[in-house]
């Protein structure tokens, strides 16, 4: 543990490294709106956890074209797999978007021995295999991920994205809700909807899409679609296009 501390974690080394993280937003928790894709398709991507190989395979299977298509990921880009930093760097590409998952949150918030140990036990060791600019860059890229994304479809519908679950009933209020730390935390860590199989119906979003909670198959409860099918454990990465997501049937009681 002491050796890992010495190799340099941003918050353990103090505020200077965080301040130097490239492109860091002034606010840690924020919402981003993405306009409609009028040239190609939008795909929603389940938890990757460093599995670049699974992403490349899924892109091939879906004939993904980065010149016109886009990927919107539900977070947990990092930890457990072998290519966490490479996947974080994809967020610089104009065709790749992601919200912040609980694993990115653990990277950013491991500022004491307990939280630091929790992150390491959940796959954070990759961070300390890097050095210099790569450490600063990884921290900055994770910090730049929004907690919530709103994706507009060509016909004007809104699809809300947050990592774990949406605990409210009107996505139009998502920016205001992010000011509430309990709601913001639930959007990154919550598991109530899947564990209780509770249907959630949103007043304004045509769909909300989430990862975090493992499901055997893509599962829809009300207007909430869950797409973490366990890529890091079984290699099954869900990559679903927007039209299919909107038509996905509800789970049977």
Foldseek 3Di string as FASTA:
>chain_A
DVVLLVQDQCLSVHCPLVVPQPPFDPDQAAEAEAEAQPQDWEKEWAAQAQPPVLVVVVCVVVVPDLVRYAYEYQENLHFLYDHSLVSLVCCPRPRYAYAHAVLLVLSQPVNDPVSVVVSVVRGPPNLSVDHDPSNSHSNNSSSPHHQKYWYAHPVGATEIGGAADQPDAECVCVRVQCVDVVRSVCSHANHVCVVVVAAHAHDGHLAYEYENDADCQFAHRHRYIYFHPPCSNPVDMDMGIPVCSSVPDHDDD
